[in-house]
């Protein structure tokens, strides 16, 4: 990988297409999913998807697909809970977890190309740092995801712990032998990371020692204003715990 590696948020055009190719490559090699299967699963969410990437030149080598709140299709994790193997009411589960749906995002996919070789771990850490910076820059209160247990353990090893969404268990899902619908509350998780995983906090959250990746300024991790104003926020308030439990 001779080209300089840079991180970018909310990419468009050729870089977005490269992010989709990277996502498809990761899911094919790790979980055996075809591009057609991914299109069927994630196509309804494409218009709402925002990609955080690490790229070598114009080639994306690692990507995170994020869904901000207010998308027309909803948050995929909560929609998936309605289906097998969980058959759980996603909204009730979110309320039971205490999630504020106006500020809860989705981590829909996350992965680094296998051919990144020895750089793979460094690129993964860079993506974790980017994800936490997106959390901080956009006042994200929590995120939800369906995580393969191996990925969940990797995130937990750097202090990014998660809890199973109420009513769910670990089960096979989209080629993964063991995946769990989870949520992470950002502020308490980062506070615990700072206390229990100080080295990981410096590297992953603060980005100190994250060598070899050009990270943009903090402001460039904020979702563009036009992205927010185009979103459907009409019923988000009705999903917050305060309204539901009142």
C-alpha atoms as a PDB file:
ATOM      1  CA  UNK A   1       0.000   0.000   0.000  1.00  0.00           C
ATOM      2  CA  UNK A   2       2.222   2.772  -1.316  1.00  0.00           C
ATOM      3  CA  UNK A   3      -0.315   5.617  -1.530  1.00  0.00           C
ATOM      4  CA  UNK A   4      -0.826   7.791   1.562  1.00  0.00           C
ATOM      5  CA  UNK A   5      -3.701   6.576   3.748  1.00  0.00           C
ATOM      6  CA  UNK A   6      -6.314   9.163   4.666  1.00  0.00           C
ATOM      7  CA  UNK A   7      -9.587   9.150   6.569  1.00  0.00           C
ATOM      8  CA  UNK A   8     -12.701  10.815   5.176  1.00  0.00           C
ATOM      9  CA  UNK A   9     -16.293  11.182   6.349  1.00  0.00           C
ATOM     10  CA  UNK A  10     -19.492  11.314   4.280  1.00  0.00           C
ATOM     11  CA  UNK A  11     -17.759  10.526   0.996  1.00  0.00           C
ATOM     12  CA  UNK A  12     -19.455  10.927  -2.375  1.00  0.00           C
ATOM     13  CA  UNK A  13     -18.894   9.991  -6.004  1.00  0.00           C
ATOM     14  CA  UNK A  14     -16.076   7.589  -6.809  1.00  0.00           C
ATOM     15  CA  UNK A  15     -15.024   7.241  -3.158  1.00  0.00           C
ATOM     16  CA  UNK A  16     -18.539   6.222  -2.163  1.00  0.00           C
ATOM     17  CA  UNK A  17     -18.569   3.604  -4.920  1.00  0.00           C
ATOM     18  CA  UNK A  18     -15.210   2.375  -3.681  1.00  0.00           C
ATOM     19  CA  UNK A  19     -16.644   2.199  -0.139  1.00  0.00           C
ATOM     20  CA  UNK A  20     -19.477   0.008  -1.433  1.00  0.00           C
ATOM     21  CA  UNK A  21     -16.926  -2.211  -3.209  1.00  0.00           C
ATOM     22  CA  UNK A  22     -14.893  -2.471   0.004  1.00  0.00           C
ATOM     23  CA  UNK A  23     -18.007  -3.386   1.989  1.00  0.00           C
ATOM     24  CA  UNK A  24     -18.934  -6.058  -0.566  1.00  0.00           C
ATOM     25  CA  UNK A  25     -15.389  -7.459  -0.573  1.00  0.00           C
ATOM     26  CA  UNK A  26     -15.309  -7.730   3.239  1.00  0.00           C
ATOM     27  CA  UNK A  27     -18.720  -9.396   3.464  1.00  0.00           C
ATOM     28  CA  UNK A  28     -17.902 -11.805   0.645  1.00  0.00           C
ATOM     29  CA  UNK A  29     -14.591 -12.953   2.106  1.00  0.00           C
ATOM     30  CA  UNK A  30     -15.677 -13.043   5.765  1.00  0.00           C
ATOM     31  CA  UNK A  31     -19.340 -14.081   5.633  1.00  0.00           C
ATOM     32  CA  UNK A  32     -19.830 -15.415   2.104  1.00  0.00           C
ATOM     33  CA  UNK A  33     -22.428 -12.788   1.144  1.00  0.00           C
ATOM     34  CA  UNK A  34     -22.820 -11.917  -2.529  1.00  0.00           C
ATOM     35  CA  UNK A  35     -23.162  -8.342  -3.775  1.00  0.00           C
ATOM     36  CA  UNK A  36     -26.781  -9.119  -4.728  1.00  0.00           C
ATOM     37  CA  UNK A  37     -27.492 -10.221  -1.146  1.00  0.00           C
ATOM     38  CA  UNK A  38     -25.969  -7.025   0.216  1.00  0.00           C
ATOM     39  CA  UNK A  39     -27.961  -4.930  -2.254  1.00  0.00           C
ATOM     40  CA  UNK A  40     -31.136  -6.628  -1.064  1.00  0.00           C
ATOM     41  CA  UNK A  41     -30.268  -6.115   2.604  1.00  0.00           C
ATOM     42  CA  UNK A  42     -28.876  -2.594   2.472  1.00  0.00           C
ATOM     43  CA  UNK A  43     -30.445  -1.158  -0.685  1.00  0.00           C
ATOM     44  CA  UNK A  44     -33.427   0.304   1.236  1.00  0.00           C
ATOM     45  CA  UNK A  45     -30.921   2.195   3.418  1.00  0.00           C
ATOM     46  CA  UNK A  46     -28.566   3.471   0.703  1.00  0.00           C
ATOM     47  CA  UNK A  47     -30.125   6.935   0.504  1.00  0.00           C
ATOM     48  CA  UNK A  48     -29.676   7.383   4.273  1.00  0.00           C
ATOM     49  CA  UNK A  49     -26.207   5.820   4.497  1.00  0.00           C
ATOM     50  CA  UNK A  50     -23.135   7.879   5.365  1.00  0.00           C
ATOM     51  CA  UNK A  51     -19.698   6.311   4.914  1.00  0.00           C
ATOM     52  CA  UNK A  52     -16.616   6.821   7.053  1.00  0.00           C
ATOM     53  CA  UNK A  53     -13.601   5.467   5.155  1.00  0.00           C
ATOM     54  CA  UNK A  54      -9.874   5.016   5.182  1.00  0.00           C
ATOM     55  CA  UNK A  55      -8.516   5.201   1.658  1.00  0.00           C
ATOM     56  CA  UNK A  56      -5.166   4.651  -0.034  1.00  0.00           C
ATOM     57  CA  UNK A  57      -5.313   7.153  -2.843  1.00  0.00           C
ATOM     58  CA  UNK A  58      -8.733   6.665  -4.410  1.00  0.00           C
ATOM     59  CA  UNK A  59      -9.127   3.072  -3.180  1.00  0.00           C
ATOM     60  CA  UNK A  60     -11.125   2.544   0.013  1.00  0.00           C
ATOM     61  CA  UNK A  61      -9.467  -0.119   2.171  1.00  0.00           C
ATOM     62  CA  UNK A  62     -11.726   0.147   5.210  1.00  0.00           C
ATOM     63  CA  UNK A  63     -15.239   1.494   5.678  1.00  0.00           C
ATOM     64  CA  UNK A  64     -18.037   2.031   8.178  1.00  0.00           C
ATOM     65  CA  UNK A  65     -21.609   2.446   6.938  1.00  0.00           C
ATOM     66  CA  UNK A  66     -23.532   4.686   9.334  1.00  0.00           C
ATOM     67  CA  UNK A  67     -27.238   5.526   9.469  1.00  0.00           C
ATOM     68  CA  UNK A  68     -28.068   8.807  11.217  1.00  0.00           C
ATOM     69  CA  UNK A  69     -31.444   9.152  12.963  1.00  0.00           C
ATOM     70  CA  UNK A  70     -34.489  10.221  11.003  1.00  0.00           C
ATOM     71  CA  UNK A  71     -33.970   8.136   7.873  1.00  0.00           C
ATOM     72  CA  UNK A  72     -37.071   7.107   5.962  1.00  0.00           C
ATOM     73  CA  UNK A  73     -36.232   3.397   6.283  1.00  0.00           C
ATOM     74  CA  UNK A  74     -35.390   3.634  10.000  1.00  0.00           C
ATOM     75  CA  UNK A  75     -32.402   2.104  11.763  1.00  0.00           C
ATOM     76  CA  UNK A  76     -31.702  -1.302  10.248  1.00  0.00           C
ATOM     77  CA  UNK A  77     -30.945  -3.030  13.547  1.00  0.00           C
ATOM     78  CA  UNK A  78     -34.333  -2.117  14.998  1.00  0.00           C
ATOM     79  CA  UNK A  79     -36.075  -3.159  11.784  1.00  0.00           C
ATOM     80  CA  UNK A  80     -34.198  -6.484  11.801  1.00  0.00           C
ATOM     81  CA  UNK A  81     -35.431  -7.280  15.304  1.00  0.00           C
ATOM     82  CA  UNK A  82     -38.913  -7.768  13.867  1.00  0.00           C
ATOM     83  CA  UNK A  83     -37.628 -10.692  11.742  1.00  0.00           C
ATOM     84  CA  UNK A  84     -36.205 -14.095  12.503  1.00  0.00           C
ATOM     85  CA  UNK A  85     -34.219 -15.117  14.480  1.00  0.00           C
ATOM     86  CA  UNK A  86     -35.325 -12.481  17.033  1.00  0.00           C
ATOM     87  CA  UNK A  87     -38.976 -11.548  16.382  1.00  0.00           C
ATOM     88  CA  UNK A  88     -38.799  -8.649  18.841  1.00  0.00           C
ATOM     89  CA  UNK A  89     -40.531  -5.256  18.673  1.00  0.00           C
ATOM     90  CA  UNK A  90     -37.607  -2.982  17.794  1.00  0.00           C
ATOM     91  CA  UNK A  91     -39.165   0.189  19.166  1.00  0.00           C
ATOM     92  CA  UNK A  92     -40.037  -1.418  22.490  1.00  0.00           C
ATOM     93  CA  UNK A  93     -36.531  -2.844  22.741  1.00  0.00           C
ATOM     94  CA  UNK A  94     -35.013   0.598  22.101  1.00  0.00           C
ATOM     95  CA  UNK A  95     -37.234   2.168  24.765  1.00  0.00           C
ATOM     96  CA  UNK A  96     -36.362  -0.589  27.255  1.00  0.00           C
ATOM     97  CA  UNK A  97     -32.674   0.149  26.620  1.00  0.00           C
ATOM     98  CA  UNK A  98     -33.275   3.831  27.387  1.00  0.00           C
ATOM     99  CA  UNK A  99     -32.240   5.029  23.928  1.00  0.00           C
ATOM    100  CA  UNK A 100     -32.989   8.567  22.777  1.00  0.00           C
ATOM    101  CA  UNK A 101     -33.965   7.924  19.162  1.00  0.00           C
ATOM    102  CA  UNK A 102     -33.377  11.544  18.154  1.00  0.00           C
ATOM    103  CA  UNK A 103     -29.640  11.090  18.796  1.00  0.00           C
ATOM    104  CA  UNK A 104     -29.131   7.331  18.284  1.00  0.00           C
ATOM    105  CA  UNK A 105     -27.289   6.245  15.124  1.00  0.00           C
ATOM    106  CA  UNK A 106     -26.707   2.867  13.492  1.00  0.00           C
ATOM    107  CA  UNK A 107     -23.352   1.236  12.760  1.00  0.00           C
ATOM    108  CA  UNK A 108     -24.644  -0.835   9.846  1.00  0.00           C
ATOM    109  CA  UNK A 109     -21.362  -2.328   8.597  1.00  0.00           C
ATOM    110  CA  UNK A 110     -17.688  -2.073   9.534  1.00  0.00           C
ATOM    111  CA  UNK A 111     -14.711  -3.782   7.950  1.00  0.00           C
ATOM    112  CA  UNK A 112     -11.212  -3.674   6.487  1.00  0.00           C
ATOM    113  CA  UNK A 113     -10.178  -5.469   3.298  1.00  0.00           C
ATOM    114  CA  UNK A 114      -8.334  -8.725   3.924  1.00  0.00           C
ATOM    115  CA  UNK A 115      -5.619  -7.752   1.435  1.00  0.00           C
ATOM    116  CA  UNK A 116      -4.591  -4.868   3.716  1.00  0.00           C
ATOM    117  CA  UNK A 117      -2.274  -7.457   5.275  1.00  0.00           C
ATOM    118  CA  UNK A 118      -0.155  -6.321   8.209  1.00  0.00           C
ATOM    119  CA  UNK A 119      -1.779  -2.873   8.065  1.00  0.00           C
ATOM    120  CA  UNK A 120      -5.223  -4.348   8.744  1.00  0.00           C
ATOM    121  CA  UNK A 121      -5.114  -3.913  12.525  1.00  0.00           C
ATOM    122  CA  UNK A 122      -3.873  -0.320  12.248  1.00  0.00           C
ATOM    123  CA  UNK A 123      -6.625   0.505   9.753  1.00  0.00           C
ATOM    124  CA  UNK A 124      -9.234  -1.076  12.031  1.00  0.00           C
ATOM    125  CA  UNK A 125      -8.047   1.077  14.937  1.00  0.00           C
ATOM    126  CA  UNK A 126      -8.213   4.112  12.648  1.00  0.00           C
ATOM    127  CA  UNK A 127     -11.846   3.289  11.839  1.00  0.00           C
ATOM    128  CA  UNK A 128     -12.629   2.932  15.546  1.00  0.00           C
ATOM    129  CA  UNK A 129     -11.096   6.364  16.135  1.00  0.00           C
ATOM    130  CA  UNK A 130     -13.121   7.793  13.252  1.00  0.00           C
ATOM    131  CA  UNK A 131     -16.307   6.257  14.620  1.00  0.00           C
ATOM    132  CA  UNK A 132     -15.762   7.772  18.068  1.00  0.00           C
ATOM    133  CA  UNK A 133     -14.956  11.146  16.490  1.00  0.00           C
ATOM    134  CA  UNK A 134     -18.218  10.995  14.531  1.00  0.00           C
ATOM    135  CA  UNK A 135     -19.980  10.269  17.848  1.00  0.00           C
ATOM    136  CA  UNK A 136     -18.419  13.299  19.502  1.00  0.00           C
ATOM    137  CA  UNK A 137     -18.782  15.673  16.540  1.00  0.00           C
ATOM    138  CA  UNK A 138     -22.488  14.920  16.075  1.00  0.00           C
ATOM    139  CA  UNK A 139     -23.576  14.727  19.729  1.00  0.00           C
ATOM    140  CA  UNK A 140     -24.483  11.062  19.286  1.00  0.00           C
ATOM    141  CA  UNK A 141     -25.969   9.655  22.485  1.00  0.00           C
ATOM    142  CA  UNK A 142     -25.817   5.996  21.399  1.00  0.00           C
ATOM    143  CA  UNK A 143     -25.442   3.669  18.470  1.00  0.00           C
ATOM    144  CA  UNK A 144     -27.021   0.318  17.650  1.00  0.00           C
ATOM    145  CA  UNK A 145     -25.646  -2.507  15.515  1.00  0.00           C
ATOM    146  CA  UNK A 146     -25.920  -6.204  14.792  1.00  0.00           C
ATOM    147  CA  UNK A 147     -22.369  -7.294  15.586  1.00  0.00           C
ATOM    148  CA  UNK A 148     -20.633 -10.543  14.809  1.00  0.00           C
ATOM    149  CA  UNK A 149     -19.310 -11.723  18.165  1.00  0.00           C
ATOM    150  CA  UNK A 150     -15.716 -11.664  16.922  1.00  0.00           C
ATOM    151  CA  UNK A 151     -16.061  -7.992  15.967  1.00  0.00           C
ATOM    152  CA  UNK A 152     -17.837  -7.297  19.231  1.00  0.00           C
ATOM    153  CA  UNK A 153     -14.917  -8.767  21.172  1.00  0.00           C
ATOM    154  CA  UNK A 154     -12.433  -6.686  19.161  1.00  0.00           C
ATOM    155  CA  UNK A 155     -14.342  -3.496  19.954  1.00  0.00           C
ATOM    156  CA  UNK A 156     -14.610  -4.524  23.597  1.00  0.00           C
ATOM    157  CA  UNK A 157     -10.853  -5.057  23.767  1.00  0.00           C
ATOM    158  CA  UNK A 158     -10.341  -1.309  23.200  1.00  0.00           C
ATOM    159  CA  UNK A 159     -13.075  -0.302  25.641  1.00  0.00           C
ATOM    160  CA  UNK A 160     -15.913   0.092  23.120  1.00  0.00           C
ATOM    161  CA  UNK A 161     -18.227  -2.255  24.961  1.00  0.00           C
ATOM    162  CA  UNK A 162     -21.839  -2.991  24.055  1.00  0.00           C
ATOM    163  CA  UNK A 163     -24.939  -4.571  25.561  1.00  0.00           C
ATOM    164  CA  UNK A 164     -27.484  -6.847  23.923  1.00  0.00           C
ATOM    165  CA  UNK A 165     -30.697  -5.051  23.057  1.00  0.00           C
ATOM    166  CA  UNK A 166     -33.483  -6.149  25.432  1.00  0.00           C
ATOM    167  CA  UNK A 167     -35.256  -9.282  24.270  1.00  0.00           C
ATOM    168  CA  UNK A 168     -32.448 -10.461  21.969  1.00  0.00           C
ATOM    169  CA  UNK A 169     -29.846 -13.223  22.067  1.00  0.00           C
ATOM    170  CA  UNK A 170     -26.818 -14.201  20.005  1.00  0.00           C
ATOM    171  CA  UNK A 171     -27.834 -16.087  16.850  1.00  0.00           C
ATOM    172  CA  UNK A 172     -26.709 -16.873  13.270  1.00  0.00           C
ATOM    173  CA  UNK A 173     -27.291 -13.897  10.968  1.00  0.00           C
ATOM    174  CA  UNK A 174     -26.386 -13.160   7.323  1.00  0.00           C
ATOM    175  CA  UNK A 175     -23.535 -15.655   7.177  1.00  0.00           C
ATOM    176  CA  UNK A 176     -22.253 -14.946  10.670  1.00  0.00           C
ATOM    177  CA  UNK A 177     -22.428 -17.964  12.965  1.00  0.00           C
ATOM    178  CA  UNK A 178     -22.953 -15.743  16.014  1.00  0.00           C
ATOM    179  CA  UNK A 179     -24.231 -12.165  15.904  1.00  0.00           C
ATOM    180  CA  UNK A 180     -25.947 -10.036  18.536  1.00  0.00           C
ATOM    181  CA  UNK A 181     -28.137  -6.912  18.238  1.00  0.00           C
ATOM    182  CA  UNK A 182     -26.429  -4.445  20.557  1.00  0.00           C
ATOM    183  CA  UNK A 183     -26.386  -0.855  21.732  1.00  0.00           C
ATOM    184  CA  UNK A 184     -23.619   1.336  23.093  1.00  0.00           C
ATOM    185  CA  UNK A 185     -24.265   4.460  25.169  1.00  0.00           C
ATOM    186  CA  UNK A 186     -21.518   6.814  24.056  1.00  0.00           C
ATOM    187  CA  UNK A 187     -20.803   9.039  27.069  1.00  0.00           C
ATOM    188  CA  UNK A 188     -20.701   6.371  29.817  1.00  0.00           C
ATOM    189  CA  UNK A 189     -18.797   3.978  27.535  1.00  0.00           C
ATOM    190  CA  UNK A 190     -16.068   6.540  26.823  1.00  0.00           C
ATOM    191  CA  UNK A 191     -15.899   7.490  30.500  1.00  0.00           C
ATOM    192  CA  UNK A 192     -15.392   3.827  31.401  1.00  0.00           C
ATOM    193  CA  UNK A 193     -12.822   3.452  28.645  1.00  0.00           C
ATOM    194  CA  UNK A 194     -10.843   6.409  29.975  1.00  0.00           C
ATOM    195  CA  UNK A 195     -10.795   4.810  33.433  1.00  0.00           C
ATOM    196  CA  UNK A 196     -10.336   1.116  32.595  1.00  0.00           C
ATOM    197  CA  UNK A 197      -8.493   1.242  29.239  1.00  0.00           C
ATOM    198  CA  UNK A 198      -6.321   4.388  29.421  1.00  0.00           C
ATOM    199  CA  UNK A 199      -3.981   3.319  26.605  1.00  0.00           C
ATOM    200  CA  UNK A 200      -6.909   2.508  24.318  1.00  0.00           C
ATOM    201  CA  UNK A 201      -8.536   5.820  25.254  1.00  0.00           C
ATOM    202  CA  UNK A 202      -5.430   7.712  24.148  1.00  0.00           C
ATOM    203  CA  UNK A 203      -5.138   5.795  20.883  1.00  0.00           C
ATOM    204  CA  UNK A 204      -8.735   5.107  19.863  1.00  0.00           C
ATOM    205  CA  UNK A 205     -10.613   8.089  21.288  1.00  0.00           C
ATOM    206  CA  UNK A 206      -7.958  10.801  21.256  1.00  0.00           C
ATOM    207  CA  UNK A 207      -6.007   9.468  18.262  1.00  0.00           C
ATOM    208  CA  UNK A 208      -2.657   9.911  20.023  1.00  0.00           C
ATOM    209  CA  UNK A 209      -0.151   7.575  18.369  1.00  0.00           C
ATOM    210  CA  UNK A 210      -2.363   6.811  15.381  1.00  0.00           C
ATOM    211  CA  UNK A 211       0.519   6.915  12.919  1.00  0.00           C
ATOM    212  CA  UNK A 212       0.334   6.422   9.175  1.00  0.00           C
ATOM    213  CA  UNK A 213      -3.235   7.700   8.686  1.00  0.00           C
ATOM    214  CA  UNK A 214      -4.041  11.297   7.767  1.00  0.00           C
ATOM    215  CA  UNK A 215      -6.996  12.219  10.015  1.00  0.00           C
ATOM    216  CA  UNK A 216      -9.008  15.334   9.051  1.00  0.00           C
ATOM    217  CA  UNK A 217      -9.885  18.138  11.485  1.00  0.00           C
ATOM    218  CA  UNK A 218     -12.685  17.530  13.990  1.00  0.00           C
ATOM    219  CA  UNK A 219     -15.180  19.740  12.132  1.00  0.00           C
ATOM    220  CA  UNK A 220     -14.966  17.517   9.055  1.00  0.00           C
ATOM    221  CA  UNK A 221     -16.603  14.678  11.003  1.00  0.00           C
ATOM    222  CA  UNK A 222     -19.841  16.657  11.383  1.00  0.00           C
ATOM    223  CA  UNK A 223     -22.740  15.636   9.186  1.00  0.00           C
ATOM    224  CA  UNK A 224     -23.452  18.351   6.645  1.00  0.00           C
ATOM    225  CA  UNK A 225     -26.357  20.673   7.460  1.00  0.00           C
ATOM    226  CA  UNK A 226     -28.235  19.672   4.307  1.00  0.00           C
ATOM    227  CA  UNK A 227     -28.056  16.039   5.429  1.00  0.00           C
ATOM    228  CA  UNK A 228     -29.862  16.893   8.663  1.00  0.00           C
ATOM    229  CA  UNK A 229     -32.490  19.165   7.124  1.00  0.00           C
ATOM    230  CA  UNK A 230     -33.484  16.515   4.587  1.00  0.00           C
ATOM    231  CA  UNK A 231     -34.264  13.929   7.251  1.00  0.00           C
ATOM    232  CA  UNK A 232     -37.681  12.948   8.556  1.00  0.00           C
ATOM    233  CA  UNK A 233     -37.799  13.852  12.258  1.00  0.00           C
ATOM    234  CA  UNK A 234     -41.564  14.052  12.630  1.00  0.00           C
ATOM    235  CA  UNK A 235     -42.002  11.119  15.020  1.00  0.00           C
ATOM    236  CA  UNK A 236     -38.566  10.905  16.643  1.00  0.00           C
ATOM    237  CA  UNK A 237     -39.721  12.668  19.805  1.00  0.00           C
ATOM    238  CA  UNK A 238     -42.460  10.108  20.239  1.00  0.00           C
ATOM    239  CA  UNK A 239     -39.838   7.371  20.489  1.00  0.00           C
ATOM    240  CA  UNK A 240     -37.778   8.874  23.298  1.00  0.00           C
ATOM    241  CA  UNK A 241     -38.068   7.162  26.689  1.00  0.00           C
ATOM    242  CA  UNK A 242     -39.438  10.308  28.354  1.00  0.00           C
ATOM    243  CA  UNK A 243     -42.440  10.439  26.028  1.00  0.00           C
ATOM    244  CA  UNK A 244     -43.133   6.721  25.977  1.00  0.00           C
ATOM    245  CA  UNK A 245     -42.846   6.208  29.718  1.00  0.00           C
ATOM    246  CA  UNK A 246     -44.683   9.392  30.721  1.00  0.00           C
END
